[in-house]
Protein backbone atom coordinates (compact mmCIF):
# COMPACT_ATOMS: atom_id res chain seq x y z
CA UNK A 1 -24.64 -157.37 16.22
CA UNK A 2 -25.53 -158.08 12.60
CA UNK A 3 -24.00 -161.41 11.60
CA UNK A 4 -24.69 -161.31 7.87
CA UNK A 5 -22.02 -160.49 5.34
CA UNK A 6 -22.80 -160.33 1.65
CA UNK A 7 -21.03 -162.95 -0.42
CA UNK A 8 -19.94 -160.18 -2.76
CA UNK A 9 -18.36 -158.28 0.15
CA UNK A 10 -16.13 -161.19 1.14
CA UNK A 11 -14.58 -163.42 -1.46
CA UNK A 12 -13.37 -166.82 -0.33
CA UNK A 13 -9.78 -165.58 -0.53
CA UNK A 14 -10.63 -162.63 1.71
CA UNK A 15 -12.37 -164.90 4.23
CA UNK A 16 -9.34 -167.21 4.33
CA UNK A 17 -7.07 -164.21 4.87
CA UNK A 18 -9.26 -162.92 7.70
CA UNK A 19 -9.48 -166.38 9.32
CA UNK A 20 -5.69 -166.72 9.18
CA UNK A 21 -5.28 -163.54 11.23
CA UNK A 22 -6.78 -165.58 14.09
CA UNK A 23 -4.86 -168.78 13.40
CA UNK A 24 -2.81 -168.56 16.62
CA UNK A 25 -5.88 -168.18 18.82
CA UNK A 26 -7.70 -170.96 16.96
CA UNK A 27 -4.71 -173.29 17.29
CA UNK A 28 -4.65 -172.54 21.03
CA UNK A 29 -8.05 -174.27 21.18
CA UNK A 30 -6.40 -177.40 19.73
CA UNK A 31 -7.46 -176.93 16.11
CA UNK A 32 -4.71 -177.98 13.70
CA UNK A 33 -6.71 -177.75 10.45
CA UNK A 34 -9.60 -175.51 9.46
CA UNK A 35 -11.46 -175.75 6.16
CA UNK A 36 -14.35 -173.88 4.55
CA UNK A 37 -17.06 -175.88 2.79
CA UNK A 38 -20.51 -175.28 1.42
CA UNK A 39 -21.75 -172.34 -0.61
CA UNK A 40 -18.98 -169.94 0.46
CA UNK A 41 -16.29 -172.42 -0.62
CA UNK A 42 -18.06 -172.83 -3.96
CA UNK A 43 -18.41 -169.07 -4.38
CA UNK A 44 -22.19 -169.37 -4.68
CA UNK A 45 -23.23 -168.04 -1.27
CA UNK A 46 -26.36 -165.91 -1.11
CA UNK A 47 -26.11 -162.67 0.90
CA UNK A 48 -27.48 -164.31 4.07
CA UNK A 49 -25.27 -167.40 3.92
CA UNK A 50 -23.41 -168.58 6.98
CA UNK A 51 -19.80 -169.76 6.97
CA UNK A 52 -19.48 -173.55 7.16
CA UNK A 53 -16.23 -174.79 8.69
CA UNK A 54 -14.60 -178.14 9.40
CA UNK A 55 -12.11 -178.29 12.28
CA UNK A 56 -9.45 -180.95 12.64
CA UNK A 57 -7.83 -181.25 16.03
CA UNK A 58 -4.12 -181.70 16.66
CA UNK A 59 -2.83 -185.25 16.87
CA UNK A 60 -3.25 -186.58 20.38
CA UNK A 61 -5.80 -183.92 21.31
CA UNK A 62 -9.40 -184.86 21.63
CA UNK A 63 -11.22 -181.67 20.86
CA UNK A 64 -14.46 -180.87 22.60
CA UNK A 65 -17.61 -179.11 21.55
CA UNK A 66 -16.53 -176.34 23.93
CA UNK A 67 -13.40 -175.87 21.80
CA UNK A 68 -15.55 -175.71 18.67
CA UNK A 69 -17.87 -173.20 20.35
CA UNK A 70 -14.90 -171.00 21.26
CA UNK A 71 -13.70 -171.00 17.65
CA UNK A 72 -17.24 -170.27 16.44
CA UNK A 73 -17.64 -167.29 18.78
CA UNK A 74 -14.19 -165.92 17.98
CA UNK A 75 -14.85 -166.01 14.24
CA UNK A 76 -18.41 -164.70 14.48
CA UNK A 77 -17.18 -161.74 16.51
CA UNK A 78 -14.30 -160.95 14.17
CA UNK A 79 -15.81 -161.81 10.77
CA UNK A 80 -19.35 -160.60 11.52
CA UNK A 81 -20.86 -163.65 9.88
CA UNK A 82 -22.79 -166.62 11.28
CA UNK A 83 -20.49 -169.64 11.62
CA UNK A 84 -21.37 -173.33 11.65
CA UNK A 85 -18.46 -175.56 12.62
CA UNK A 86 -18.15 -179.34 12.56
CA UNK A 87 -15.37 -181.63 13.75
CA UNK A 88 -13.66 -183.58 10.96
CA UNK A 89 -15.04 -186.80 12.40
CA UNK A 90 -18.61 -185.62 11.74
CA UNK A 91 -18.06 -183.74 8.50
CA UNK A 92 -17.06 -186.28 5.86
CA UNK A 93 -20.63 -186.94 4.72
CA UNK A 94 -21.46 -183.22 4.71
CA UNK A 95 -18.47 -182.36 2.54
CA UNK A 96 -19.32 -185.11 0.08
CA UNK A 97 -22.92 -183.92 -0.04
CA UNK A 98 -22.20 -180.18 -0.38
CA UNK A 99 -19.01 -180.19 -2.41
CA UNK A 100 -15.31 -179.80 -1.87
CA UNK A 101 -13.74 -177.97 1.01
CA UNK A 102 -11.11 -175.22 0.90
CA UNK A 103 -8.32 -175.30 3.49
CA UNK A 104 -7.93 -172.08 5.51
CA UNK A 105 -4.92 -173.52 7.37
């Protein structure tokens, strides 16, 4: 499967819309908040850019890397784009370094 989507093919708004169609399944993995950051959030993604995400887990739920992997695979399969996903606890420095994030839900 080709996991590269041109930045011109998918605007940030379109990506958010497509992510939200899977919100129920993503929430079932314990994710309460999902944000896009990096070049796609800035609208400056080159054609081969991946999708950088930050996942925040529901209060009282300690998310695992298995949960993150499930979200990653779900979105890669449905969006046909490479996905990198970080837990909120590990992402604060990355967001500050790469720019603001955009909330998907």
